Amino acid sequence: MNPGDEQGYDTDERYGGTGQTRTRLPGDEDTYDTARRSMRPSRSLITVVGVVVLLIAAIAFANQNTDAPTTPSDARGPATSPTSPTGTKPVDTQASGIPTGHPRTKQGAESAAANYAVALGSADMFGEERRSQILETIIVPSEVQRFRDSLDKAYSKPLFQNLGLREDGSSPDGLTFVSRTTPIGTTAAKYTDTKTTLSVWCSGLLGLAGETSINPVTSSWFTITMELHWVDGDWKIFTHSQKDGPAPVPGDERAATSEEIAKAVEGYGGLTYAR
């Protein structure tokens, strides 16, 4: 589905070029390599790649008042339930298949962050043309080219090969590629009607479903933090960072077969997130 100064560049970034964009690829030895330690060593590569791609999908893009009077913050319940329903209708417009036209309110920014996390963590990001459309829709215009340059390097042939995909990022015959991010909740650390910083707690799925797959679909948990700016009548991403967890203790459910996963992915569509 991840910082230096807003306008500066982080010289510590090892991948992804300039700006605040950080791309973690297989073999990047850092905290991401410790994710899902409980998995068998034979699956270590796909584990690393899985975390990497979910990170890439929400790549590190290179900060109070309350909502509008018609939607006061106390209407959402106590502070311990910051993402409780408000009764406000979801956005009803889209661009490139992504919800747009979020309200210029705190809850509007939270909805935008959730919807953008979904877009950045989708399988669509693996195709160059579709990826470009997504970035043009959700990124601050002045930052789009920087994001595009970094992501074009990140979504590379070696990465596709490690995931079992074709050189163009498409799925081999008989297999279903799964890359999904699901927001669990959002919270706004800082808010003004021009700039806001939010965090989105997410779960993610990544892998190939099918009888011949050697990279089965696995799950991960991570938190992404976005700085959104109000631009051209909507919230747009200016910066983005990501960290692992918090991850719950795995349950005792039987792992689904590849066929069951493929049918679920094909049969259940995504959601538009709104407060």
C-alpha atoms as a PDB file:
ATOM      1  CA  MET A   1       0.000   0.000   0.000  1.00  0.00           C
ATOM      2  CA  ASN A   2       6.356   6.296   4.540  1.00  0.00           C
ATOM      3  CA  PRO A   3      10.962  11.974   6.331  1.00  0.00           C
ATOM      4  CA  GLY A   4      13.041  15.186   6.114  1.00  0.00           C
ATOM      5  CA  ASP A   5      11.832  18.715   5.780  1.00  0.00           C
ATOM      6  CA  GLU A   6       8.766  19.319   3.645  1.00  0.00           C
ATOM      7  CA  GLN A   7      10.674  20.986   0.849  1.00  0.00           C
ATOM      8  CA  GLY A   8      14.054  19.340   1.428  1.00  0.00           C
ATOM      9  CA  TYR A   9      15.650  16.120   0.479  1.00  0.00           C
ATOM     10  CA  ASP A  10      16.717  13.272   2.755  1.00  0.00           C
ATOM     11  CA  THR A  11      20.273  12.242   1.929  1.00  0.00           C
ATOM     12  CA  ASP A  12      19.836   9.053   3.939  1.00  0.00           C
ATOM     13  CA  GLU A  13      17.347   7.609   1.454  1.00  0.00           C
ATOM     14  CA  ARG A  14      18.914   4.633  -0.231  1.00  0.00           C
ATOM     15  CA  TYR A  15      16.270   4.099  -2.869  1.00  0.00           C
ATOM     16  CA  GLY A  16      13.696   6.004  -4.830  1.00  0.00           C
ATOM     17  CA  GLY A  17      15.729   9.049  -5.840  1.00  0.00           C
ATOM     18  CA  THR A  18      15.061  12.441  -4.308  1.00  0.00           C
ATOM     19  CA  GLY A  19      12.583  14.065  -1.971  1.00  0.00           C
ATOM     20  CA  GLN A  20      10.866  12.296   0.867  1.00  0.00           C
ATOM     21  CA  THR A  21      10.100   9.234  -1.185  1.00  0.00           C
ATOM     22  CA  ARG A  22      11.561   6.042   0.265  1.00  0.00           C
ATOM     23  CA  THR A  23      11.407   2.802  -1.610  1.00  0.00           C
ATOM     24  CA  ARG A  24      12.337  -0.373   0.187  1.00  0.00           C
ATOM     25  CA  LEU A  25      13.313  -3.247  -2.061  1.00  0.00           C
ATOM     26  CA  PRO A  26      14.266  -6.859  -1.269  1.00  0.00           C
ATOM     27  CA  GLY A  27      17.560  -6.989   0.614  1.00  0.00           C
ATOM     28  CA  ASP A  28      17.106  -3.571   2.263  1.00  0.00           C
ATOM     29  CA  GLU A  29      18.270  -4.423   5.784  1.00  0.00           C
ATOM     30  CA  ASP A  30      16.170  -2.452   8.241  1.00  0.00           C
ATOM     31  CA  THR A  31      13.197  -2.807  10.537  1.00  0.00           C
ATOM     32  CA  TYR A  32      10.963  -3.921   7.700  1.00  0.00           C
ATOM     33  CA  ASP A  33      13.038  -7.062   7.308  1.00  0.00           C
ATOM     34  CA  THR A  34      11.942  -8.241  10.750  1.00  0.00           C
ATOM     35  CA  ALA A  35       8.241  -8.299   9.880  1.00  0.00           C
ATOM     36  CA  ARG A  36       6.346 -11.563  10.326  1.00  0.00           C
ATOM     37  CA  ARG A  37       9.238 -13.350  12.094  1.00  0.00           C
ATOM     38  CA  SER A  38       7.002 -16.308  12.787  1.00  0.00           C
ATOM     39  CA  MET A  39       6.929 -17.347   9.102  1.00  0.00           C
ATOM     40  CA  ARG A  40       9.080 -20.215   7.854  1.00  0.00           C
ATOM     41  CA  PRO A  41      12.569 -19.327   6.534  1.00  0.00           C
ATOM     42  CA  SER A  42      11.688 -20.784   3.130  1.00  0.00           C
ATOM     43  CA  ARG A  43       9.150 -17.968   2.705  1.00  0.00           C
ATOM     44  CA  SER A  44      11.439 -15.183   3.839  1.00  0.00           C
ATOM     45  CA  LEU A  45      11.834 -13.690   0.376  1.00  0.00           C
ATOM     46  CA  ILE A  46       8.124 -13.303  -0.307  1.00  0.00           C
ATOM     47  CA  THR A  47       7.689 -12.020   3.244  1.00  0.00           C
ATOM     48  CA  VAL A  48      10.178  -9.241   2.620  1.00  0.00           C
ATOM     49  CA  VAL A  49       8.778  -8.522  -0.816  1.00  0.00           C
ATOM     50  CA  GLY A  50       5.263  -8.491   0.581  1.00  0.00           C
ATOM     51  CA  VAL A  51       6.105  -5.842   3.125  1.00  0.00           C
ATOM     52  CA  VAL A  52       8.114  -3.979   0.518  1.00  0.00           C
ATOM     53  CA  VAL A  53       5.317  -3.782  -2.013  1.00  0.00           C
ATOM     54  CA  LEU A  54       2.745  -2.726   0.533  1.00  0.00           C
ATOM     55  CA  LEU A  55       5.232  -0.042   1.479  1.00  0.00           C
ATOM     56  CA  ILE A  56       5.798   0.879  -2.143  1.00  0.00           C
ATOM     57  CA  ALA A  57       2.099   1.046  -2.736  1.00  0.00           C
ATOM     58  CA  ALA A  58       1.943   3.655  -0.018  1.00  0.00           C
ATOM     59  CA  ILE A  59       5.429   4.961  -0.747  1.00  0.00           C
ATOM     60  CA  ALA A  60       7.091   7.644   1.339  1.00  0.00           C
ATOM     61  CA  PHE A  61       5.958  10.668  -0.599  1.00  0.00           C
ATOM     62  CA  ALA A  62       8.130  13.403  -0.908  1.00  0.00           C
ATOM     63  CA  ASN A  63       1.038  19.392   9.549  1.00  0.00           C
ATOM     64  CA  GLN A  64      -6.058  22.472  14.635  1.00  0.00           C
ATOM     65  CA  ASN A  65      -9.156  23.370  14.591  1.00  0.00           C
ATOM     66  CA  THR A  66     -12.311  21.237  14.487  1.00  0.00           C
ATOM     67  CA  ASP A  67     -14.787  20.385  11.764  1.00  0.00           C
ATOM     68  CA  ALA A  68     -17.198  22.840  10.277  1.00  0.00           C
ATOM     69  CA  PRO A  69     -19.986  23.964  12.632  1.00  0.00           C
ATOM     70  CA  THR A  70     -22.454  21.654  10.882  1.00  0.00           C
ATOM     71  CA  THR A  71     -20.354  18.611  11.829  1.00  0.00           C
ATOM     72  CA  PRO A  72     -18.892  19.331  15.278  1.00  0.00           C
ATOM     73  CA  SER A  73     -16.231  16.964  16.498  1.00  0.00           C
ATOM     74  CA  ASP A  74     -18.249  15.888  19.542  1.00  0.00           C
ATOM     75  CA  ALA A  75     -20.879  14.440  17.194  1.00  0.00           C
ATOM     76  CA  ARG A  76     -18.536  11.553  16.609  1.00  0.00           C
ATOM     77  CA  GLY A  77     -18.556  10.357  20.184  1.00  0.00           C
ATOM     78  CA  PRO A  78     -15.743  10.177  22.741  1.00  0.00           C
ATOM     79  CA  ALA A  79     -12.084  10.605  21.852  1.00  0.00           C
ATOM     80  CA  THR A  80     -11.568   6.864  22.188  1.00  0.00           C
ATOM     81  CA  SER A  81     -13.736   6.319  19.077  1.00  0.00           C
ATOM     82  CA  PRO A  82     -12.297   8.829  16.581  1.00  0.00           C
ATOM     83  CA  THR A  83     -13.652   6.980  13.569  1.00  0.00           C
ATOM     84  CA  SER A  84     -17.206   6.366  14.750  1.00  0.00           C
ATOM     85  CA  PRO A  85     -19.945   7.012  12.151  1.00  0.00           C
ATOM     86  CA  THR A  86     -21.180  10.586  11.719  1.00  0.00           C
ATOM     87  CA  GLY A  87     -24.111  10.124   9.377  1.00  0.00           C
ATOM     88  CA  THR A  88     -22.399  12.240   6.744  1.00  0.00           C
ATOM     89  CA  LYS A  89     -22.853  10.748   3.278  1.00  0.00           C
ATOM     90  CA  PRO A  90     -19.777   9.435   1.445  1.00  0.00           C
ATOM     91  CA  VAL A  91     -18.426  11.331  -1.520  1.00  0.00           C
ATOM     92  CA  ASP A  92     -20.324  10.575  -4.731  1.00  0.00           C
ATOM     93  CA  THR A  93     -17.766  11.598  -7.337  1.00  0.00           C
ATOM     94  CA  GLN A  94     -14.768   9.765  -8.717  1.00  0.00           C
ATOM     95  CA  ALA A  95     -11.712  10.397 -10.857  1.00  0.00           C
ATOM     96  CA  SER A  96      -9.831   7.457 -12.328  1.00  0.00           C
ATOM     97  CA  GLY A  97     -11.981   5.200 -10.158  1.00  0.00           C
ATOM     98  CA  ILE A  98     -10.876   6.923  -6.938  1.00  0.00           C
ATOM     99  CA  PRO A  99     -13.314   8.780  -4.652  1.00  0.00           C
ATOM    100  CA  THR A 100     -12.840  12.553  -4.923  1.00  0.00           C
ATOM    101  CA  GLY A 101     -14.483  15.740  -3.717  1.00  0.00           C
ATOM    102  CA  HIS A 102     -13.929  15.131  -0.011  1.00  0.00           C
ATOM    103  CA  PRO A 103     -15.299  17.867   2.286  1.00  0.00           C
ATOM    104  CA  ARG A 104     -12.967  20.567   3.564  1.00  0.00           C
ATOM    105  CA  THR A 105     -13.327  19.279   7.118  1.00  0.00           C
ATOM    106  CA  LYS A 106     -11.429  17.061   9.493  1.00  0.00           C
ATOM    107  CA  GLN A 107     -13.641  14.087   8.691  1.00  0.00           C
ATOM    108  CA  GLY A 108     -13.277  14.836   4.998  1.00  0.00           C
ATOM    109  CA  ALA A 109      -9.503  14.667   5.321  1.00  0.00           C
ATOM    110  CA  GLU A 110      -9.776  11.373   7.223  1.00  0.00           C
ATOM    111  CA  SER A 111     -11.970   9.920   4.488  1.00  0.00           C
ATOM    112  CA  ALA A 112      -9.506  11.066   1.831  1.00  0.00           C
ATOM    113  CA  ALA A 113      -6.578   9.467   3.663  1.00  0.00           C
ATOM    114  CA  ALA A 114      -8.420   6.141   3.890  1.00  0.00           C
ATOM    115  CA  ASN A 115      -9.456   6.185   0.234  1.00  0.00           C
ATOM    116  CA  TYR A 116      -5.969   7.119  -0.914  1.00  0.00           C
ATOM    117  CA  ALA A 117      -4.424   4.319   1.149  1.00  0.00           C
ATOM    118  CA  VAL A 118      -6.668   1.887  -0.727  1.00  0.00           C
ATOM    119  CA  ALA A 119      -5.636   3.273  -4.114  1.00  0.00           C
ATOM    120  CA  LEU A 120      -1.923   3.214  -3.342  1.00  0.00           C
ATOM    121  CA  GLY A 121      -2.126  -0.360  -2.075  1.00  0.00           C
ATOM    122  CA  SER A 122      -4.030  -1.697  -5.070  1.00  0.00           C
ATOM    123  CA  ALA A 123      -2.909  -4.009  -7.857  1.00  0.00           C
ATOM    124  CA  ASP A 124      -3.494  -1.097 -10.256  1.00  0.00           C
ATOM    125  CA  MET A 125      -0.245   0.434  -9.053  1.00  0.00           C
ATOM    126  CA  PHE A 126       1.676  -2.331 -10.837  1.00  0.00           C
ATOM    127  CA  GLY A 127       0.737  -0.997 -14.277  1.00  0.00           C
ATOM    128  CA  GLU A 128       2.603   2.138 -15.421  1.00  0.00           C
ATOM    129  CA  GLU A 129      -0.356   3.844 -17.118  1.00  0.00           C
ATOM    130  CA  ARG A 130      -2.807   3.161 -14.304  1.00  0.00           C
ATOM    131  CA  ARG A 131      -0.223   4.141 -11.683  1.00  0.00           C
ATOM    132  CA  SER A 132       0.264   7.495 -13.384  1.00  0.00           C
ATOM    133  CA  GLN A 133      -3.511   8.116 -13.361  1.00  0.00           C
ATOM    134  CA  ILE A 134      -3.700   7.355  -9.645  1.00  0.00           C
ATOM    135  CA  LEU A 135      -0.856   9.726  -8.809  1.00  0.00           C
ATOM    136  CA  GLU A 136      -2.352  12.537 -10.880  1.00  0.00           C
ATOM    137  CA  THR A 137      -5.617  12.107  -8.980  1.00  0.00           C
ATOM    138  CA  ILE A 138      -4.416  11.995  -5.370  1.00  0.00           C
ATOM    139  CA  ILE A 139      -1.049  13.792  -5.224  1.00  0.00           C
ATOM    140  CA  VAL A 140      -0.400  17.525  -4.878  1.00  0.00           C
ATOM    141  CA  PRO A 141       0.205  18.563  -8.519  1.00  0.00           C
ATOM    142  CA  SER A 142       3.656  20.036  -7.872  1.00  0.00           C
ATOM    143  CA  GLU A 143       4.800  16.679  -6.443  1.00  0.00           C
ATOM    144  CA  VAL A 144       3.373  14.285  -9.031  1.00  0.00           C
ATOM    145  CA  GLN A 145       6.475  14.028 -11.206  1.00  0.00           C
ATOM    146  CA  ARG A 146       8.723  13.346  -8.244  1.00  0.00           C
ATOM    147  CA  PHE A 147       6.421  10.561  -7.096  1.00  0.00           C
ATOM    148  CA  ARG A 148       6.178   9.165 -10.594  1.00  0.00           C
ATOM    149  CA  ASP A 149       9.940   9.061 -11.087  1.00  0.00           C
ATOM    150  CA  SER A 150      10.480   7.246  -7.792  1.00  0.00           C
ATOM    151  CA  LEU A 151       7.677   4.745  -8.283  1.00  0.00           C
ATOM    152  CA  ASP A 152       8.684   3.932 -11.829  1.00  0.00           C
ATOM    153  CA  LYS A 153      12.038   2.843 -10.424  1.00  0.00           C
ATOM    154  CA  ALA A 154      10.407   0.909  -7.590  1.00  0.00           C
ATOM    155  CA  TYR A 155       7.988  -1.066  -9.750  1.00  0.00           C
ATOM    156  CA  SER A 156      10.782  -2.774 -11.648  1.00  0.00           C
ATOM    157  CA  LYS A 157      11.189  -6.004 -13.566  1.00  0.00           C
ATOM    158  CA  PRO A 158      13.250  -7.609 -10.762  1.00  0.00           C
ATOM    159  CA  LEU A 159      10.456  -6.830  -8.311  1.00  0.00           C
ATOM    160  CA  PHE A 160       7.844  -8.309 -10.610  1.00  0.00           C
ATOM    161  CA  GLN A 161       9.995 -11.399 -11.045  1.00  0.00           C
ATOM    162  CA  ASN A 162      10.312 -11.868  -7.290  1.00  0.00           C
ATOM    163  CA  LEU A 163       6.544 -11.681  -6.993  1.00  0.00           C
ATOM    164  CA  GLY A 164       6.009 -14.165  -9.785  1.00  0.00           C
ATOM    165  CA  LEU A 165       4.539 -11.598 -12.197  1.00  0.00           C
ATOM    166  CA  ARG A 166       5.246 -10.985 -15.848  1.00  0.00           C
ATOM    167  CA  GLU A 167       7.704  -8.280 -16.851  1.00  0.00           C
ATOM    168  CA  ASP A 168       4.839  -5.800 -17.345  1.00  0.00           C
ATOM    169  CA  GLY A 169       3.438  -6.476 -13.855  1.00  0.00           C
ATOM    170  CA  SER A 170       0.527  -8.622 -15.023  1.00  0.00           C
ATOM    171  CA  SER A 171      -0.428 -12.036 -13.618  1.00  0.00           C
ATOM    172  CA  PRO A 172       0.634 -15.282 -15.277  1.00  0.00           C
ATOM    173  CA  ASP A 173      -2.138 -17.360 -16.838  1.00  0.00           C
ATOM    174  CA  GLY A 174      -4.157 -19.261 -14.274  1.00  0.00           C
ATOM    175  CA  LEU A 175      -3.095 -17.079 -11.340  1.00  0.00           C
ATOM    176  CA  THR A 176      -4.764 -14.120  -9.638  1.00  0.00           C
ATOM    177  CA  PHE A 177      -2.541 -11.349  -8.342  1.00  0.00           C
ATOM    178  CA  VAL A 178      -3.744  -9.930  -5.034  1.00  0.00           C
ATOM    179  CA  SER A 179      -2.666  -6.557  -3.667  1.00  0.00           C
ATOM    180  CA  ARG A 180      -5.172  -4.880  -1.367  1.00  0.00           C
ATOM    181  CA  THR A 181      -5.032  -2.431   1.516  1.00  0.00           C
ATOM    182  CA  THR A 182      -7.914  -2.169   3.974  1.00  0.00           C
ATOM    183  CA  PRO A 183      -8.066   0.803   6.381  1.00  0.00           C
ATOM    184  CA  ILE A 184      -9.050  -0.222   9.900  1.00  0.00           C
ATOM    185  CA  GLY A 185      -9.294   3.325  11.269  1.00  0.00           C
ATOM    186  CA  THR A 186      -7.961   6.858  10.948  1.00  0.00           C
ATOM    187  CA  THR A 187      -6.890   9.610  13.312  1.00  0.00           C
ATOM    188  CA  ALA A 188      -5.835  13.212  12.727  1.00  0.00           C
ATOM    189  CA  ALA A 189      -2.837  14.450  14.703  1.00  0.00           C
ATOM    190  CA  LYS A 190      -3.000  17.993  13.342  1.00  0.00           C
ATOM    191  CA  TYR A 191      -5.716  19.782  11.382  1.00  0.00           C
ATOM    192  CA  THR A 192      -6.301  23.091   9.679  1.00  0.00           C
ATOM    193  CA  ASP A 193      -8.495  23.701   6.666  1.00  0.00           C
ATOM    194  CA  THR A 194      -5.426  23.950   4.443  1.00  0.00           C
ATOM    195  CA  LYS A 195      -3.113  21.245   5.769  1.00  0.00           C
ATOM    196  CA  THR A 196      -3.542  18.190   7.969  1.00  0.00           C
ATOM    197  CA  THR A 197      -1.520  15.228   9.225  1.00  0.00           C
ATOM    198  CA  LEU A 198      -3.315  11.908   9.636  1.00  0.00           C
ATOM    199  CA  SER A 199      -2.514   8.281  10.346  1.00  0.00           C
ATOM    200  CA  VAL A 200      -4.336   5.293   8.866  1.00  0.00           C
ATOM    201  CA  TRP A 201      -4.092   1.856  10.484  1.00  0.00           C
ATOM    202  CA  CYS A 202      -4.296  -0.786   7.771  1.00  0.00           C
ATOM    203  CA  SER A 203      -4.178  -4.452   6.976  1.00  0.00           C
ATOM    204  CA  GLY A 204      -2.906  -5.662   3.638  1.00  0.00           C
ATOM    205  CA  LEU A 205      -2.961  -8.678   1.353  1.00  0.00           C
ATOM    206  CA  LEU A 206      -0.278  -9.562  -1.180  1.00  0.00           C
ATOM    207  CA  GLY A 207       0.577 -12.556  -3.313  1.00  0.00           C
ATOM    208  CA  LEU A 208      -0.527 -14.827  -6.145  1.00  0.00           C
ATOM    209  CA  ALA A 209      -3.588 -17.041  -5.767  1.00  0.00           C
ATOM    210  CA  GLY A 210      -3.788 -20.190  -7.845  1.00  0.00           C
ATOM    211  CA  GLU A 211      -2.888 -23.852  -7.833  1.00  0.00           C
ATOM    212  CA  THR A 212       0.589 -23.287  -9.277  1.00  0.00           C
ATOM    213  CA  SER A 213       1.475 -20.272  -7.127  1.00  0.00           C
ATOM    214  CA  ILE A 214       4.698 -20.449  -5.147  1.00  0.00           C
ATOM    215  CA  ASN A 215       4.022 -17.002  -3.610  1.00  0.00           C
ATOM    216  CA  PRO A 216       0.771 -17.494  -1.681  1.00  0.00           C
ATOM    217  CA  VAL A 217      -1.296 -14.532  -0.518  1.00  0.00           C
ATOM    218  CA  THR A 218      -0.107 -13.322   2.881  1.00  0.00           C
ATOM    219  CA  SER A 219      -1.341 -10.603   5.227  1.00  0.00           C
ATOM    220  CA  SER A 220       0.414  -7.765   7.014  1.00  0.00           C
ATOM    221  CA  TRP A 221      -0.420  -4.863   9.319  1.00  0.00           C
ATOM    222  CA  PHE A 222       0.980  -1.349   9.093  1.00  0.00           C
ATOM    223  CA  THR A 223       0.258   2.306   9.868  1.00  0.00           C
ATOM    224  CA  ILE A 224       0.700   5.000   7.248  1.00  0.00           C
ATOM    225  CA  THR A 225       0.912   8.715   8.002  1.00  0.00           C
ATOM    226  CA  MET A 226      -0.015  11.301   5.389  1.00  0.00           C
ATOM    227  CA  GLU A 227       0.266  15.039   5.184  1.00  0.00           C
ATOM    228  CA  LEU A 228      -2.641  16.256   3.084  1.00  0.00           C
ATOM    229  CA  HIS A 229      -2.981  19.718   1.535  1.00  0.00           C
ATOM    230  CA  TRP A 230      -6.208  21.335   0.331  1.00  0.00           C
ATOM    231  CA  VAL A 231      -5.636  21.831  -3.395  1.00  0.00           C
ATOM    232  CA  ASP A 232      -8.077  22.384  -6.268  1.00  0.00           C
ATOM    233  CA  GLY A 233     -11.155  21.621  -4.169  1.00  0.00           C
ATOM    234  CA  ASP A 234      -9.968  18.387  -2.593  1.00  0.00           C
ATOM    235  CA  TRP A 235      -7.409  16.934  -0.187  1.00  0.00           C
ATOM    236  CA  LYS A 236      -4.199  15.773  -1.881  1.00  0.00           C
ATOM    237  CA  ILE A 237      -1.157  13.896  -0.576  1.00  0.00           C
ATOM    238  CA  PHE A 238       1.997  15.946  -0.018  1.00  0.00           C
ATOM    239  CA  THR A 239       4.042  13.487   2.054  1.00  0.00           C
ATOM    240  CA  HIS A 240       3.561   9.926   3.208  1.00  0.00           C
ATOM    241  CA  SER A 241       5.379   7.574   5.617  1.00  0.00           C
ATOM    242  CA  GLN A 242       4.786   4.051   6.855  1.00  0.00           C
ATOM    243  CA  LYS A 243       5.714   1.773   9.744  1.00  0.00           C
ATOM    244  CA  ASP A 244       4.869  -1.809  10.708  1.00  0.00           C
ATOM    245  CA  GLY A 245       1.955  -2.711  12.985  1.00  0.00           C
ATOM    246  CA  PRO A 246       0.258  -2.713  15.306  1.00  0.00           C
ATOM    247  CA  ALA A 247      -0.431  -6.337  14.428  1.00  0.00           C
ATOM    248  CA  PRO A 248      -2.919  -8.460  16.402  1.00  0.00           C
ATOM    249  CA  VAL A 249      -2.229 -12.026  17.501  1.00  0.00           C
ATOM    250  CA  PRO A 250      -3.167 -14.352  14.600  1.00  0.00           C
ATOM    251  CA  GLY A 251      -6.391 -16.267  15.084  1.00  0.00           C
ATOM    252  CA  ASP A 252      -7.000 -19.992  14.723  1.00  0.00           C
ATOM    253  CA  GLU A 253      -8.844 -19.826  11.396  1.00  0.00           C
ATOM    254  CA  ARG A 254      -7.995 -22.373   8.749  1.00  0.00           C
ATOM    255  CA  ALA A 255      -5.921 -20.827   5.985  1.00  0.00           C
ATOM    256  CA  ALA A 256      -7.957 -20.564   2.801  1.00  0.00           C
ATOM    257  CA  THR A 257      -6.943 -22.404  -0.323  1.00  0.00           C
ATOM    258  CA  SER A 258      -5.607 -20.474  -3.315  1.00  0.00           C
ATOM    259  CA  GLU A 259      -8.898 -21.064  -5.117  1.00  0.00           C
ATOM    260  CA  GLU A 260     -10.900 -19.671  -2.191  1.00  0.00           C
ATOM    261  CA  ILE A 261      -8.694 -16.585  -2.027  1.00  0.00           C
ATOM    262  CA  ALA A 262      -8.963 -15.991  -5.769  1.00  0.00           C
ATOM    263  CA  LYS A 263     -12.767 -16.279  -5.678  1.00  0.00           C
ATOM    264  CA  ALA A 264     -12.976 -13.918  -2.694  1.00  0.00           C
ATOM    265  CA  VAL A 265     -10.812 -11.289  -4.364  1.00  0.00           C
ATOM    266  CA  GLU A 266     -12.751 -11.502  -7.618  1.00  0.00           C
ATOM    267  CA  GLY A 267     -16.137 -11.630  -5.910  1.00  0.00           C
ATOM    268  CA  TYR A 268     -15.812  -8.914  -3.277  1.00  0.00           C
ATOM    269  CA  GLY A 269     -15.303  -5.372  -4.516  1.00  0.00           C
ATOM    270  CA  GLY A 270     -13.662  -2.535  -2.637  1.00  0.00           C
ATOM    271  CA  LEU A 271     -15.324   0.141  -0.543  1.00  0.00           C
ATOM    272  CA  THR A 272     -15.465   3.922  -0.476  1.00  0.00           C
ATOM    273  CA  TYR A 273     -14.401   5.107   2.940  1.00  0.00           C
ATOM    274  CA  ALA A 274     -16.114   8.038   4.616  1.00  0.00           C
ATOM    275  CA  ARG A 275     -16.688   9.279   8.153  1.00  0.00           C
END
